[in-house]
Amino acid sequence: MAELSWYGVRCVFRHRDLGVFEERLTLWTAASPDEAIARAEAEACEYGEALEDTEYTGFAEAYRMDGAPGEGAEVFSLMRESDLPSDAYVGKFFATGDERTG
């Protein structure tokens, strides 16, 4: 049996009734990124079905963690190449003004 690692998996959902998309991170133990994604996608389908007018978009990304989750553990990381200055990058990809936080 292959050694299990912890994975953070990001899945994206569309909430049609709210007019929003949700990025949701879940943690899984798995022998590979593909296994972690398969487990997360199965749960994502259940999550989407449990909520009215919500669909799993089919987009998932996995990140293998170093060690087990704990205080301050990095559960997901994504690197993207860009020539944008920091404020423009954050404004384009993260703080667009359309986020629902809180």
Protein backbone atom coordinates (compact mmCIF):
# COMPACT_ATOMS: atom_id res chain seq x y z
CA MET A 1 0.00 0.00 0.00
CA ALA A 2 1.33 3.43 -0.94
CA GLU A 3 2.15 5.92 1.78
CA LEU A 4 -0.63 8.40 2.47
CA SER A 5 -0.05 12.15 2.41
CA TRP A 6 -2.30 15.06 3.32
CA TYR A 7 -3.68 17.08 0.41
CA GLY A 8 -5.54 20.35 0.25
CA VAL A 9 -7.97 20.29 -2.68
CA ARG A 10 -9.61 23.42 -4.06
CA CYS A 11 -12.93 22.95 -5.86
CA VAL A 12 -15.01 25.67 -7.50
CA PHE A 13 -18.80 25.89 -7.25
CA ARG A 14 -21.39 28.07 -8.93
CA HIS A 15 -24.26 29.30 -6.76
CA ARG A 16 -26.73 30.28 -9.46
CA ASP A 17 -29.34 31.72 -7.09
CA LEU A 18 -26.75 33.99 -5.43
CA GLY A 19 -24.91 34.84 -8.65
CA VAL A 20 -21.55 33.90 -7.11
CA PHE A 21 -18.76 31.38 -7.48
CA GLU A 22 -17.23 29.73 -4.42
CA GLU A 23 -13.69 28.40 -4.05
CA ARG A 24 -13.75 25.73 -1.35
CA LEU A 25 -10.69 24.00 0.17
CA THR A 26 -10.97 20.58 1.77
CA LEU A 27 -8.34 18.30 3.33
CA TRP A 28 -7.82 14.65 2.38
CA THR A 29 -5.39 11.81 3.06
CA ALA A 30 -4.53 10.00 -0.15
CA ALA A 31 -1.77 8.08 -1.90
CA SER A 32 -1.63 10.54 -4.83
CA PRO A 33 -2.95 13.89 -6.03
CA ASP A 34 -5.33 12.07 -8.39
CA GLU A 35 -6.80 10.07 -5.52
CA ALA A 36 -7.20 13.21 -3.41
CA ILE A 37 -8.97 14.97 -6.28
CA ALA A 38 -11.25 11.98 -6.88
CA ARG A 39 -12.25 11.93 -3.21
CA ALA A 40 -12.74 15.71 -3.15
CA GLU A 41 -14.80 15.65 -6.34
CA ALA A 42 -17.10 12.97 -4.91
CA GLU A 43 -17.64 15.16 -1.85
CA ALA A 44 -18.02 18.25 -4.07
CA CYS A 45 -20.89 16.63 -5.94
CA GLU A 46 -22.61 15.84 -2.62
CA TYR A 47 -22.00 19.40 -1.41
CA GLY A 48 -23.49 20.88 -4.59
CA GLU A 49 -26.51 18.57 -4.48
CA ALA A 50 -27.18 19.43 -0.83
CA LEU A 51 -27.51 23.13 -1.68
CA GLU A 52 -30.27 24.47 -3.87
CA ASP A 53 -29.24 25.88 -7.24
CA THR A 54 -25.54 25.07 -6.70
CA GLU A 55 -23.33 23.14 -9.07
CA TYR A 56 -19.78 21.82 -8.91
CA THR A 57 -17.99 23.33 -11.92
CA GLY A 58 -15.68 20.34 -12.39
CA PHE A 59 -12.57 22.38 -11.51
CA ALA A 60 -10.27 20.92 -8.84
CA GLU A 61 -6.63 21.44 -7.91
CA ALA A 62 -4.63 19.47 -5.33
CA TYR A 63 -1.66 20.48 -3.19
CA ARG A 64 0.37 17.90 -1.27
CA MET A 65 1.12 19.15 2.21
CA ASP A 66 4.42 18.56 3.99
CA GLY A 67 3.36 16.54 7.01
CA ALA A 68 0.05 16.57 8.83
CA PRO A 69 -2.18 19.61 9.29
CA GLY A 70 -1.62 21.60 12.43
CA GLU A 71 -1.29 25.15 13.70
CA GLY A 72 0.02 27.35 10.86
CA ALA A 73 0.24 24.46 8.37
CA GLU A 74 0.20 25.40 4.71
CA VAL A 75 -2.85 23.64 3.25
CA PHE A 76 -2.78 25.03 -0.27
CA SER A 77 -0.43 26.98 -2.49
CA LEU A 78 -0.72 28.13 -6.09
CA MET A 79 1.93 30.01 -8.06
CA ARG A 80 1.04 32.06 -11.13
CA GLU A 81 3.44 33.90 -13.41
CA SER A 82 2.60 37.57 -13.88
CA ASP A 83 4.33 40.82 -14.74
CA LEU A 84 1.67 42.85 -12.90
CA PRO A 85 2.73 44.97 -9.93
CA SER A 86 1.50 43.59 -6.59
CA ASP A 87 -1.53 45.87 -6.17
CA ALA A 88 -2.73 45.25 -9.74
CA TYR A 89 -2.23 41.49 -9.35
CA VAL A 90 -4.25 41.35 -6.13
CA GLY A 91 -6.93 43.58 -7.69
CA LYS A 92 -7.21 41.36 -10.76
CA PHE A 93 -7.26 37.95 -9.09
CA PHE A 94 -8.29 38.37 -5.45
CA ALA A 95 -9.66 41.74 -4.35
CA THR A 96 -11.83 42.67 -7.30
CA GLY A 97 -14.56 44.23 -5.16
CA ASP A 98 -17.01 41.47 -6.07
CA GLU A 99 -16.06 39.12 -3.21
CA ARG A 100 -18.50 38.22 -0.46
CA THR A 101 -16.54 37.96 2.76
CA GLY A 102 -17.48 37.68 6.40
